[in-house]
Amino acid sequence: MFAAWAFAACWLAVAVPVRADTIPVKAAELRIDEGEVLLNAEFELSLNPTLEEALEKGIPLYFVLDFELTRARWYWLDEKVAQAATHYRVSYNALTHQYRVASGLLSQTFNSLDEVEHFIGRVTSRPVASADGLAKGAKYDAAVRLRLDVNQLPKPFQVNALASREWTLASDWERWIFTVPNP
């Protein structure tokens, strides 16, 4: 009988969706400069104590900044005009007491976690699309979000992330209408 109760409790823990801690979005906008569509966004990223502890014990955390630009069509599915994802790998070096943020081939070190959160949470003039592919005066639906990528975590922590809210951190999609200016 106890085994049946234990199985039911485990099943409920996995079957019930866990609500992620949300990252508030302070601002998001697009602008066109020198033929490129540039994204500016600001998130209030704050790691919870569980994620901070994991980072300090040598487990790297991976964040993804997702961006989408679509155009509504009445006769078919919305057209996906542009899509971009920026990946960040955050690690902690216990010897130097510094944090390292790597994105692609570039990396930067920081002395505090607050600096890391500010760096990842602030996107300034990030190219996301070419302006040549956009129609002048047309309206597009833009969306951006920032999230912790639990699929990049080591396997034992991925299992924890399924059932623990402390391992899930993401913003909601911030959506707005972007109108391409006429020259």
Foldseek 3Di string as FASTA:
>chain_A
DVVVVVVVVVCCLLPDFADAAAWDWDDWDWDDDPQFIFIWTATRDDADPVVVVCQLVWWKWKKKKKKWKWADDPPDHIHTQWIDIWMWIWHADNVVCWIWIDTPPDIDIDNDVVVVSRVVRTGGGHTTGGNVSDDAFGKIKMKIKMWTDLVPTPPVVNVVVSRDNSNTYMHDIDIDIDTHHDD
